[in-house]
PDB file of N, CA and C in Angstrom:
ATOM      1  N   UNK A   1      19.914  21.451 -29.271  1.00  0.00           N
ATOM      2  CA  UNK A   1      20.367  20.720 -27.910  1.00  0.00           C
ATOM      3  C   UNK A   1      21.022  19.937 -27.863  1.00  0.00           C
ATOM      4  N   UNK A   2      21.765  19.943 -26.445  1.00  0.00           N
ATOM      5  CA  UNK A   2      23.370  19.048 -26.229  1.00  0.00           C
ATOM      6  C   UNK A   2      22.589  17.685 -25.795  1.00  0.00           C
ATOM      7  N   UNK A   3      23.591  16.939 -26.039  1.00  0.00           N
ATOM      8  CA  UNK A   3      23.131  15.806 -26.230  1.00  0.00           C
ATOM      9  C   UNK A   3      22.830  15.488 -24.422  1.00  0.00           C
ATOM     10  N   UNK A   4      23.506  16.120 -23.669  1.00  0.00           N
ATOM     11  CA  UNK A   4      23.550  15.340 -22.195  1.00  0.00           C
ATOM     12  C   UNK A   4      22.155  16.049 -21.826  1.00  0.00           C
ATOM     13  N   UNK A   5      21.572  17.005 -22.387  1.00  0.00           N
ATOM     14  CA  UNK A   5      20.416  17.920 -21.864  1.00  0.00           C
ATOM     15  C   UNK A   5      19.438  16.869 -22.457  1.00  0.00           C
ATOM     16  N   UNK A   6      19.684  16.417 -23.816  1.00  0.00           N
ATOM     17  CA  UNK A   6      18.241  15.313 -24.028  1.00  0.00           C
ATOM     18  C   UNK A   6      18.400  14.075 -23.069  1.00  0.00           C
ATOM     19  N   UNK A   7      19.719  13.350 -23.048  1.00  0.00           N
ATOM     20  CA  UNK A   7      19.728  12.219 -21.872  1.00  0.00           C
ATOM     21  C   UNK A   7      19.089  12.167 -20.709  1.00  0.00           C
ATOM     22  N   UNK A   8      19.448  13.652 -20.425  1.00  0.00           N
ATOM     23  CA  UNK A   8      18.838  14.093 -18.977  1.00  0.00           C
ATOM     24  C   UNK A   8      17.106  14.128 -19.135  1.00  0.00           C
ATOM     25  N   UNK A   9      16.862  14.608 -20.149  1.00  0.00           N
ATOM     26  CA  UNK A   9      15.345  14.867 -20.162  1.00  0.00           C
ATOM     27  C   UNK A   9      14.744  13.163 -20.358  1.00  0.00           C
ATOM     28  N   UNK A  10      15.429  12.336 -20.940  1.00  0.00           N
ATOM     29  CA  UNK A  10      14.703  10.745 -21.721  1.00  0.00           C
ATOM     30  C   UNK A  10      14.660  10.072 -20.027  1.00  0.00           C
ATOM     31  N   UNK A  11      15.462  10.254 -19.445  1.00  0.00           N
ATOM     32  CA  UNK A  11      15.893   9.426 -18.143  1.00  0.00           C
ATOM     33  C   UNK A  11      15.261  10.123 -16.920  1.00  0.00           C
ATOM     34  N   UNK A  12      14.873  11.747 -17.122  1.00  0.00           N
ATOM     35  CA  UNK A  12      13.625  11.606 -16.228  1.00  0.00           C
ATOM     36  C   UNK A  12      12.335  11.743 -16.464  1.00  0.00           C
ATOM     37  N   UNK A  13      12.191  11.480 -17.607  1.00  0.00           N
ATOM     38  CA  UNK A  13      10.830  10.830 -18.065  1.00  0.00           C
ATOM     39  C   UNK A  13      10.519   9.437 -17.735  1.00  0.00           C
ATOM     40  N   UNK A  14      11.665   8.805 -17.583  1.00  0.00           N
ATOM     41  CA  UNK A  14      11.630   7.228 -17.557  1.00  0.00           C
ATOM     42  C   UNK A  14      11.357   6.917 -15.683  1.00  0.00           C
ATOM     43  N   UNK A  15      12.558   7.774 -15.260  1.00  0.00           N
ATOM     44  CA  UNK A  15      12.183   7.790 -13.865  1.00  0.00           C
ATOM     45  C   UNK A  15      10.612   8.417 -12.893  1.00  0.00           C
ATOM     46  N   UNK A  16      10.034   9.013 -13.911  1.00  0.00           N
ATOM     47  CA  UNK A  16       8.614   8.957 -13.478  1.00  0.00           C
ATOM     48  C   UNK A  16       8.061   7.878 -13.678  1.00  0.00           C
ATOM     49  N   UNK A  17       8.355   6.707 -14.349  1.00  0.00           N
ATOM     50  CA  UNK A  17       7.532   5.548 -14.839  1.00  0.00           C
ATOM     51  C   UNK A  17       8.169   4.229 -13.855  1.00  0.00           C
ATOM     52  N   UNK A  18       9.076   4.298 -13.467  1.00  0.00           N
ATOM     53  CA  UNK A  18       9.734   3.201 -12.626  1.00  0.00           C
ATOM     54  C   UNK A  18       8.465   2.938 -11.327  1.00  0.00           C
ATOM     55  N   UNK A  19       8.078   3.606 -10.853  1.00  0.00           N
ATOM     56  CA  UNK A  19       7.176   3.202  -9.612  1.00  0.00           C
ATOM     57  C   UNK A  19       5.983   2.806  -9.643  1.00  0.00           C
ATOM     58  N   UNK A  20       5.332   3.250 -10.889  1.00  0.00           N
ATOM     59  CA  UNK A  20       4.306   2.879 -11.538  1.00  0.00           C
ATOM     60  C   UNK A  20       4.517   1.509 -12.070  1.00  0.00           C
ATOM     61  N   UNK A  21       5.561   1.039 -12.767  1.00  0.00           N
ATOM     62  CA  UNK A  21       5.731  -0.423 -13.309  1.00  0.00           C
ATOM     63  C   UNK A  21       5.845  -1.030 -11.985  1.00  0.00           C
ATOM     64  N   UNK A  22       6.635  -0.710 -10.717  1.00  0.00           N
ATOM     65  CA  UNK A  22       6.373  -1.768  -9.530  1.00  0.00           C
ATOM     66  C   UNK A  22       5.235  -1.981  -9.061  1.00  0.00           C
ATOM     67  N   UNK A  23       4.341  -1.362  -9.126  1.00  0.00           N
ATOM     68  CA  UNK A  23       3.016  -0.840  -8.775  1.00  0.00           C
ATOM     69  C   UNK A  23       1.878  -2.165  -9.853  1.00  0.00           C
ATOM     70  N   UNK A  24       2.059  -1.944 -11.124  1.00  0.00           N
ATOM     71  CA  UNK A  24       1.745  -2.754 -12.043  1.00  0.00           C
ATOM     72  C   UNK A  24       1.661  -4.242 -11.733  1.00  0.00           C
ATOM     73  N   UNK A  25       3.355  -4.408 -11.703  1.00  0.00           N
ATOM     74  CA  UNK A  25       4.178  -5.732 -11.358  1.00  0.00           C
ATOM     75  C   UNK A  25       3.047  -6.539  -9.992  1.00  0.00           C
ATOM     76  N   UNK A  26       2.827  -5.740  -8.888  1.00  0.00           N
ATOM     77  CA  UNK A  26       2.210  -6.055  -7.849  1.00  0.00           C
ATOM     78  C   UNK A  26       0.590  -6.141  -8.271  1.00  0.00           C
ATOM     79  N   UNK A  27       0.359  -5.258  -9.032  1.00  0.00           N
ATOM     80  CA  UNK A  27      -1.294  -5.477  -9.272  1.00  0.00           C
ATOM     81  C   UNK A  27      -1.241  -6.851 -10.221  1.00  0.00           C
ATOM     82  N   UNK A  28      -0.719  -6.957 -10.881  1.00  0.00           N
ATOM     83  CA  UNK A  28      -0.796  -8.111 -12.377  1.00  0.00           C
ATOM     84  C   UNK A  28      -0.652  -9.540 -11.894  1.00  0.00           C
ATOM     85  N   UNK A  29      -0.110  -9.745 -10.252  1.00  0.00           N
ATOM     86  CA  UNK A  29       0.431 -10.984 -10.218  1.00  0.00           C
ATOM     87  C   UNK A  29      -0.529 -11.186  -8.643  1.00  0.00           C
ATOM     88  N   UNK A  30      -0.994 -12.509  -9.045  1.00  0.00           N
ATOM     89  CA  UNK A  30      -2.104 -12.864  -8.028  1.00  0.00           C
ATOM     90  C   UNK A  30      -1.508 -12.913  -6.819  1.00  0.00           C
ATOM     91  N   UNK A  31       0.060 -13.618  -6.305  1.00  0.00           N
ATOM     92  CA  UNK A  31       0.761 -13.897  -5.205  1.00  0.00           C
ATOM     93  C   UNK A  31       1.145 -12.498  -4.560  1.00  0.00           C
ATOM     94  N   UNK A  32       1.764 -11.773  -5.424  1.00  0.00           N
ATOM     95  CA  UNK A  32       2.339 -10.234  -5.117  1.00  0.00           C
ATOM     96  C   UNK A  32       0.623  -9.396  -4.794  1.00  0.00           C
ATOM     97  N   UNK A  33      -0.470  -9.381  -5.112  1.00  0.00           N
ATOM     98  CA  UNK A  33      -1.635  -9.003  -4.990  1.00  0.00           C
ATOM     99  C   UNK A  33      -2.066  -9.063  -3.667  1.00  0.00           C
ATOM    100  N   UNK A  34      -2.161 -10.629  -3.447  1.00  0.00           N
ATOM    101  CA  UNK A  34      -2.461 -11.330  -2.060  1.00  0.00           C
ATOM    102  C   UNK A  34      -1.405 -10.141  -0.877  1.00  0.00           C
ATOM    103  N   UNK A  35      -0.059 -10.790  -1.021  1.00  0.00           N
ATOM    104  CA  UNK A  35       0.626  -9.984  -0.114  1.00  0.00           C
ATOM    105  C   UNK A  35       0.226  -8.568   0.243  1.00  0.00           C
ATOM    106  N   UNK A  36       0.281  -8.026  -0.780  1.00  0.00           N
ATOM    107  CA  UNK A  36       0.515  -6.661  -1.033  1.00  0.00           C
ATOM    108  C   UNK A  36      -0.977  -5.639  -0.341  1.00  0.00           C
ATOM    109  N   UNK A  37      -2.259  -6.746  -0.438  1.00  0.00           N
ATOM    110  CA  UNK A  37      -3.811  -6.707   0.068  1.00  0.00           C
ATOM    111  C   UNK A  37      -3.507  -7.059   1.809  1.00  0.00           C
ATOM    112  N   UNK A  38      -2.873  -8.068   1.930  1.00  0.00           N
ATOM    113  CA  UNK A  38      -2.861  -8.229   3.327  1.00  0.00           C
ATOM    114  C   UNK A  38      -1.911  -7.380   4.131  1.00  0.00           C
ATOM    115  N   UNK A  39      -0.668  -6.608   3.736  1.00  0.00           N
ATOM    116  CA  UNK A  39       0.040  -5.467   4.374  1.00  0.00           C
ATOM    117  C   UNK A  39      -0.797  -4.123   4.425  1.00  0.00           C
ATOM    118  N   UNK A  40      -1.468  -4.083   3.494  1.00  0.00           N
ATOM    119  CA  UNK A  40      -2.468  -3.038   3.708  1.00  0.00           C
ATOM    120  C   UNK A  40      -3.190  -2.864   4.474  1.00  0.00           C
ATOM    121  N   UNK A  41      -4.172  -3.879   4.754  1.00  0.00           N
ATOM    122  CA  UNK A  41      -4.824  -4.999   5.907  1.00  0.00           C
ATOM    123  C   UNK A  41      -4.338  -4.420   7.295  1.00  0.00           C
ATOM    124  N   UNK A  42      -3.190  -4.974   7.688  1.00  0.00           N
ATOM    125  CA  UNK A  42      -2.102  -4.581   8.663  1.00  0.00           C
ATOM    126  C   UNK A  42      -1.447  -3.005   8.807  1.00  0.00           C
ATOM    127  N   UNK A  43      -1.208  -2.898   7.999  1.00  0.00           N
ATOM    128  CA  UNK A  43      -0.183  -1.956   8.145  1.00  0.00           C
ATOM    129  C   UNK A  43      -1.087  -0.190   7.552  1.00  0.00           C
ATOM    130  N   UNK A  44      -1.462  -0.325   6.969  1.00  0.00           N
ATOM    131  CA  UNK A  44      -2.589   0.460   6.136  1.00  0.00           C
ATOM    132  C   UNK A  44      -2.117   1.049   4.615  1.00  0.00           C
ATOM    133  N   UNK A  45      -3.111   1.673   4.133  1.00  0.00           N
ATOM    134  CA  UNK A  45      -2.633   2.123   2.383  1.00  0.00           C
ATOM    135  C   UNK A  45      -1.363   3.120   2.033  1.00  0.00           C
ATOM    136  N   UNK A  46      -1.518   4.009   3.112  1.00  0.00           N
ATOM    137  CA  UNK A  46      -0.587   4.813   3.033  1.00  0.00           C
ATOM    138  C   UNK A  46       1.068   4.552   3.472  1.00  0.00           C
ATOM    139  N   UNK A  47       0.514   3.945   4.603  1.00  0.00           N
ATOM    140  CA  UNK A  47       2.192   3.246   5.149  1.00  0.00           C
ATOM    141  C   UNK A  47       2.837   2.397   3.910  1.00  0.00           C
ATOM    142  N   UNK A  48       1.508   1.872   3.441  1.00  0.00           N
ATOM    143  CA  UNK A  48       2.454   0.098   2.550  1.00  0.00           C
ATOM    144  C   UNK A  48       2.902   1.213   1.157  1.00  0.00           C
ATOM    145  N   UNK A  49       1.893   2.062   0.280  1.00  0.00           N
ATOM    146  CA  UNK A  49       2.494   2.606  -0.579  1.00  0.00           C
ATOM    147  C   UNK A  49       3.706   3.627  -0.523  1.00  0.00           C
ATOM    148  N   UNK A  50       3.485   4.432   0.859  1.00  0.00           N
ATOM    149  CA  UNK A  50       4.795   4.935   1.204  1.00  0.00           C
ATOM    150  C   UNK A  50       5.675   4.379   0.867  1.00  0.00           C
ATOM    151  N   UNK A  51       6.032   3.749   1.559  1.00  0.00           N
ATOM    152  CA  UNK A  51       7.476   2.412   1.730  1.00  0.00           C
ATOM    153  C   UNK A  51       7.509   1.849   0.118  1.00  0.00           C
ATOM    154  N   UNK A  52       6.761   1.468  -0.309  1.00  0.00           N
ATOM    155  CA  UNK A  52       7.574   1.030  -1.462  1.00  0.00           C
ATOM    156  C   UNK A  52       7.802   1.619  -2.310  1.00  0.00           C
ATOM    157  N   UNK A  53       7.502   3.051  -2.801  1.00  0.00           N
ATOM    158  CA  UNK A  53       7.883   4.215  -3.078  1.00  0.00           C
ATOM    159  C   UNK A  53       9.139   4.725  -2.670  1.00  0.00           C
ATOM    160  N   UNK A  54       9.110   4.973  -1.832  1.00  0.00           N
ATOM    161  CA  UNK A  54      10.708   5.301  -1.010  1.00  0.00           C
ATOM    162  C   UNK A  54      11.799   4.175  -1.952  1.00  0.00           C
ATOM    163  N   UNK A  55      11.095   2.602  -1.237  1.00  0.00           N
ATOM    164  CA  UNK A  55      12.469   2.000  -1.390  1.00  0.00           C
ATOM    165  C   UNK A  55      13.025   1.927  -2.704  1.00  0.00           C
ATOM    166  N   UNK A  56      11.730   1.612  -4.320  1.00  0.00           N
ATOM    167  CA  UNK A  56      12.008   2.230  -5.520  1.00  0.00           C
ATOM    168  C   UNK A  56      13.099   3.128  -5.923  1.00  0.00           C
ATOM    169  N   UNK A  57      12.627   4.332  -5.154  1.00  0.00           N
ATOM    170  CA  UNK A  57      13.610   5.431  -5.227  1.00  0.00           C
ATOM    171  C   UNK A  57      14.711   5.072  -4.887  1.00  0.00           C
ATOM    172  N   UNK A  58      15.303   4.426  -3.345  1.00  0.00           N
ATOM    173  CA  UNK A  58      16.353   4.163  -3.060  1.00  0.00           C
ATOM    174  C   UNK A  58      17.458   3.431  -4.044  1.00  0.00           C
ATOM    175  N   UNK A  59      16.446   2.225  -4.612  1.00  0.00           N
ATOM    176  CA  UNK A  59      16.959   1.167  -5.027  1.00  0.00           C
ATOM    177  C   UNK A  59      17.592   1.458  -6.640  1.00  0.00           C
ATOM    178  N   UNK A  60      16.810   2.425  -7.360  1.00  0.00           N
ATOM    179  CA  UNK A  60      17.346   3.001  -8.862  1.00  0.00           C
ATOM    180  C   UNK A  60      17.608   4.497  -8.486  1.00  0.00           C
ATOM    181  N   UNK A  61      17.914   4.864  -7.289  1.00  0.00           N
ATOM    182  CA  UNK A  61      18.801   6.090  -7.289  1.00  0.00           C
ATOM    183  C   UNK A  61      18.168   7.239  -8.038  1.00  0.00           C
ATOM    184  N   UNK A  62      16.683   7.420  -7.989  1.00  0.00           N
ATOM    185  CA  UNK A  62      15.580   8.181  -8.546  1.00  0.00           C
ATOM    186  C   UNK A  62      15.841   9.516  -7.850  1.00  0.00           C
ATOM    187  N   UNK A  63      15.565  10.354  -8.664  1.00  0.00           N
ATOM    188  CA  UNK A  63      15.813  12.167  -8.126  1.00  0.00           C
ATOM    189  C   UNK A  63      14.147  12.479  -7.868  1.00  0.00           C
ATOM    190  N   UNK A  64      14.040  13.413  -7.528  1.00  0.00           N
ATOM    191  CA  UNK A  64      12.746  14.197  -7.485  1.00  0.00           C
ATOM    192  C   UNK A  64      12.355  14.819  -9.134  1.00  0.00           C
ATOM    193  N   UNK A  65      11.793  13.868 -10.101  1.00  0.00           N
ATOM    194  CA  UNK A  65      11.986  14.962 -11.256  1.00  0.00           C
ATOM    195  C   UNK A  65       9.845  15.296 -11.459  1.00  0.00           C
ATOM    196  N   UNK A  66       9.637  15.316 -10.551  1.00  0.00           N
ATOM    197  CA  UNK A  66       8.513  15.090 -10.042  1.00  0.00           C
ATOM    198  C   UNK A  66       7.389  14.063 -10.343  1.00  0.00           C
ATOM    199  N   UNK A  67       6.278  13.936 -10.170  1.00  0.00           N
ATOM    200  CA  UNK A  67       5.228  12.580  -9.968  1.00  0.00           C
ATOM    201  C   UNK A  67       4.542  12.614 -11.312  1.00  0.00           C
ATOM    202  N   UNK A  68       4.666  11.100 -11.538  1.00  0.00           N
ATOM    203  CA  UNK A  68       3.839  11.019 -12.772  1.00  0.00           C
ATOM    204  C   UNK A  68       2.389  10.671 -12.692  1.00  0.00           C
ATOM    205  N   UNK A  69       1.891  12.349 -13.642  1.00  0.00           N
ATOM    206  CA  UNK A  69       0.341  12.617 -13.236  1.00  0.00           C
ATOM    207  C   UNK A  69      -0.751  11.334 -14.177  1.00  0.00           C
ATOM    208  N   UNK A  70      -0.435  10.454 -14.756  1.00  0.00           N
ATOM    209  CA  UNK A  70      -1.167   9.686 -15.174  1.00  0.00           C
ATOM    210  C   UNK A  70      -0.527   8.225 -15.147  1.00  0.00           C
ATOM    211  N   UNK A  71      -0.196   7.549 -13.842  1.00  0.00           N
ATOM    212  CA  UNK A  71      -0.420   6.422 -13.829  1.00  0.00           C
ATOM    213  C   UNK A  71      -0.617   4.924 -13.929  1.00  0.00           C
ATOM    214  N   UNK A  72      -0.777   3.889 -14.228  1.00  0.00           N
ATOM    215  CA  UNK A  72      -1.274   2.952 -15.095  1.00  0.00           C
ATOM    216  C   UNK A  72      -1.936   1.942 -14.279  1.00  0.00           C
ATOM    217  N   UNK A  73      -0.875   2.241 -12.901  1.00  0.00           N
ATOM    218  CA  UNK A  73      -1.129   1.313 -12.022  1.00  0.00           C
ATOM    219  C   UNK A  73      -2.840   1.835 -11.042  1.00  0.00           C
ATOM    220  N   UNK A  74      -3.935   0.793 -10.882  1.00  0.00           N
ATOM    221  CA  UNK A  74      -4.765   1.711  -9.954  1.00  0.00           C
ATOM    222  C   UNK A  74      -4.302   1.692  -8.387  1.00  0.00           C
ATOM    223  N   UNK A  75      -3.201   0.961  -8.344  1.00  0.00           N
ATOM    224  CA  UNK A  75      -2.748   0.760  -6.993  1.00  0.00           C
ATOM    225  C   UNK A  75      -2.224   2.089  -6.450  1.00  0.00           C
ATOM    226  N   UNK A  76      -1.893   2.934  -7.868  1.00  0.00           N
ATOM    227  CA  UNK A  76      -1.317   4.453  -7.444  1.00  0.00           C
ATOM    228  C   UNK A  76      -2.345   5.399  -7.362  1.00  0.00           C
ATOM    229  N   UNK A  77      -3.173   5.243  -8.650  1.00  0.00           N
ATOM    230  CA  UNK A  77      -4.098   6.446  -8.999  1.00  0.00           C
ATOM    231  C   UNK A  77      -4.838   6.347  -8.120  1.00  0.00           C
ATOM    232  N   UNK A  78      -5.731   5.563  -7.303  1.00  0.00           N
ATOM    233  CA  UNK A  78      -6.264   5.361  -6.450  1.00  0.00           C
ATOM    234  C   UNK A  78      -6.202   5.862  -5.194  1.00  0.00           C
ATOM    235  N   UNK A  79      -5.177   5.980  -4.709  1.00  0.00           N
ATOM    236  CA  UNK A  79      -4.236   6.587  -3.906  1.00  0.00           C
ATOM    237  C   UNK A  79      -4.078   7.644  -3.896  1.00  0.00           C
ATOM    238  N   UNK A  80      -3.734   8.706  -5.347  1.00  0.00           N
ATOM    239  CA  UNK A  80      -3.459   9.753  -5.785  1.00  0.00           C
ATOM    240  C   UNK A  80      -5.146  10.569  -5.370  1.00  0.00           C
ATOM    241  N   UNK A  81      -5.844  10.246  -5.432  1.00  0.00           N
ATOM    242  CA  UNK A  81      -7.370  11.037  -5.525  1.00  0.00           C
ATOM    243  C   UNK A  81      -7.523  11.434  -4.001  1.00  0.00           C
ATOM    244  N   UNK A  82      -6.647  10.683  -3.414  1.00  0.00           N
ATOM    245  CA  UNK A  82      -6.664  11.432  -1.314  1.00  0.00           C
ATOM    246  C   UNK A  82      -5.919  12.407  -0.987  1.00  0.00           C
ATOM    247  N   UNK A  83      -4.814  12.314  -2.096  1.00  0.00           N
ATOM    248  CA  UNK A  83      -3.819  13.711  -1.884  1.00  0.00           C
ATOM    249  C   UNK A  83      -4.514  14.609  -1.964  1.00  0.00           C
TER     250      UNK A  83
END
């Protein structure tokens, strides 16, 4: 295996968890969670979660390496059941 291929594979794996980590931060912080729930009430779950995902992807310049199939955040996993 080439060094570049190895590093690309590791980074791709990490990229799949960054969005989950952001949602875990929201989920585990009382104030973020209150604001998140208020935004869901005003705008809807799908709109809020897609916007967060889009902004995380832009901020960290993530590529479409596939979806994290087992997120730890219940904010994501409960949403994925409906997709």
